[in-house]
Amino acid sequence: MNTDIKLKLELTGKGNSYFLYNGTEKYFEKLRSAYLDIKNDKVNDYLYFSFVTLCASTLEYSLNFILACYCVDSFSIESYRNYLEQFISIKFRNKILLLPHIISDGKFILNEDSQTFKQLSELVAVRNKILHNKEFLKAFDSGIKLDVVDGEIFVPVGMEEISFSFETEPNIIDKIDKKMCLDFADALGDFKAFVMAPYLDNSLSENHLITLKK
């Protein structure tokens, strides 16, 4: 049987059968290719930026697929989608945090002190800054101090140039480097190895990323 497909078979002939497709490996395949390019320094001016967005997309799709599996297994065909849509709407970082508790029916919780969770949280933060980057006015001291005469600014004769300087912060896309990308990839690999794969294999157990709820 194709392990990329989860089946819900109707054996009485009175309704439809259903399948749930697991496309996560397609994301991870592309992630591995980009990872090797970065690791081997085969980079260009957009690879780091693209890699972070690919990491975030892979993580979010994986989270949503796991939640879909859980809802299909836990609820009826008629009602599973109502629950799934609520789970999917949870904020990205919170979804990572809550996932072990949800899919284990409260048996496990995420280890918030793990380096993996910290890296995944940073990935979400960087992703949000990249996709929702914006600019606002920033104050600076121009050093200009002209006199006001009768309500009008008085510019002295012969004053044709005004010089001032200010500093700008680096754009978030310029802060992404090789180490950040490799750290994100390692964290995503841990998530797959210690959460996603065990859950899909029905072998979820305590590890450095998830722990028993006390």
Foldseek 3Di string as FASTA:
>chain_A
DPLQKDKADDPPPPDDIDIDGRPLVVLVVVLVVLLVCLVVVVDDLCSLVVNLLSLLVSLLSLLLSLLLVQLPVPDPPVCSVVVSVVLSPPDDLVSLQCVVCSSVVRFKGWDCPDPLSVLVVVSSVLNCCVVVPDDDDDDDDQVDDFDADPNHTDDDPPPDDGDGDDDDDDRSSVVRGSVSSNSSVVSSVCCCVQPRVCSSVVNHDDDSTMDTDD
